[in-house]
């Protein structure tokens, strides 16, 4: 099963590490906060997904295993 990726926007400080690490999954919105690209909620098969979550300085990125097919 595919992972489920999310960003806690109430925690995100806009450091951009997720978007820099895995640009195929994450971007920054108009306010500079991290967001998951549309259709990439499953991580898009990115090998950098978990590294992007680890790179977040405030742990706003969550990767849940088995979130969907």
Protein backbone atom coordinates (compact mmCIF):
# COMPACT_ATOMS: atom_id res chain seq x y z
CA UNK A 1 0.00 0.00 0.00
CA UNK A 2 1.11 3.52 -0.75
CA UNK A 3 2.06 5.95 2.00
CA UNK A 4 -0.09 8.97 2.78
CA UNK A 5 1.73 12.33 2.93
CA UNK A 6 0.54 15.46 4.67
CA UNK A 7 1.83 18.75 6.05
CA UNK A 8 0.53 20.29 9.26
CA UNK A 9 0.03 23.84 8.04
CA UNK A 10 -0.46 25.07 11.61
CA UNK A 11 3.06 23.82 12.41
CA UNK A 12 4.87 24.67 9.14
CA UNK A 13 7.19 27.70 9.29
CA UNK A 14 7.93 27.85 5.56
CA UNK A 15 11.55 26.70 5.70
CA UNK A 16 11.03 24.98 2.33
CA UNK A 17 13.18 21.95 3.08
CA UNK A 18 10.43 19.58 1.92
CA UNK A 19 10.15 21.30 -1.48
CA UNK A 20 13.92 21.45 -1.86
CA UNK A 21 14.38 17.79 -0.96
CA UNK A 22 11.45 16.26 -2.88
CA UNK A 23 10.21 18.84 -5.42
CA UNK A 24 8.13 16.19 -7.19
CA UNK A 25 5.95 15.84 -4.08
CA UNK A 26 6.07 19.19 -2.27
CA UNK A 27 5.81 22.86 -3.14
CA UNK A 28 5.32 26.12 -1.27
CA UNK A 29 2.01 27.95 -1.40
CA UNK A 30 1.49 31.68 -1.95
CA UNK A 31 2.22 32.28 1.75
CA UNK A 32 5.50 30.36 1.54
CA UNK A 33 4.20 27.40 3.54
CA UNK A 34 4.81 23.84 2.45
CA UNK A 35 2.09 21.92 0.67
CA UNK A 36 1.72 18.58 -1.06
CA UNK A 37 1.35 18.85 -4.82
CA UNK A 38 -2.10 17.87 -6.10
CA UNK A 39 -2.20 14.15 -6.87
CA UNK A 40 0.98 13.47 -4.89
CA UNK A 41 -0.67 12.67 -1.56
CA UNK A 42 0.73 9.15 -1.98
CA UNK A 43 4.28 10.47 -2.34
CA UNK A 44 4.40 9.79 -6.08
CA UNK A 45 6.87 6.97 -5.52
CA UNK A 46 9.57 9.48 -4.60
CA UNK A 47 12.63 7.87 -3.01
CA UNK A 48 13.22 11.20 -1.23
CA UNK A 49 9.87 11.28 0.55
CA UNK A 50 11.07 10.20 3.98
CA UNK A 51 14.21 12.32 3.68
CA UNK A 52 11.99 15.35 3.04
CA UNK A 53 10.00 14.56 6.19
CA UNK A 54 13.24 14.26 8.20
CA UNK A 55 14.52 17.54 6.74
CA UNK A 56 11.58 19.55 8.11
CA UNK A 57 12.95 21.56 11.05
CA UNK A 58 9.58 21.56 12.85
CA UNK A 59 8.40 18.03 11.90
CA UNK A 60 5.38 19.35 10.00
CA UNK A 61 5.63 16.65 7.31
CA UNK A 62 3.97 13.34 8.10
CA UNK A 63 4.37 10.11 6.13
CA UNK A 64 1.88 7.46 7.19
CA UNK A 65 2.46 3.93 5.92
CA UNK A 66 -0.33 2.07 4.16
CA UNK A 67 -2.52 5.12 3.65
CA UNK A 68 -4.07 3.89 0.43
CA UNK A 69 -3.61 1.90 -2.74
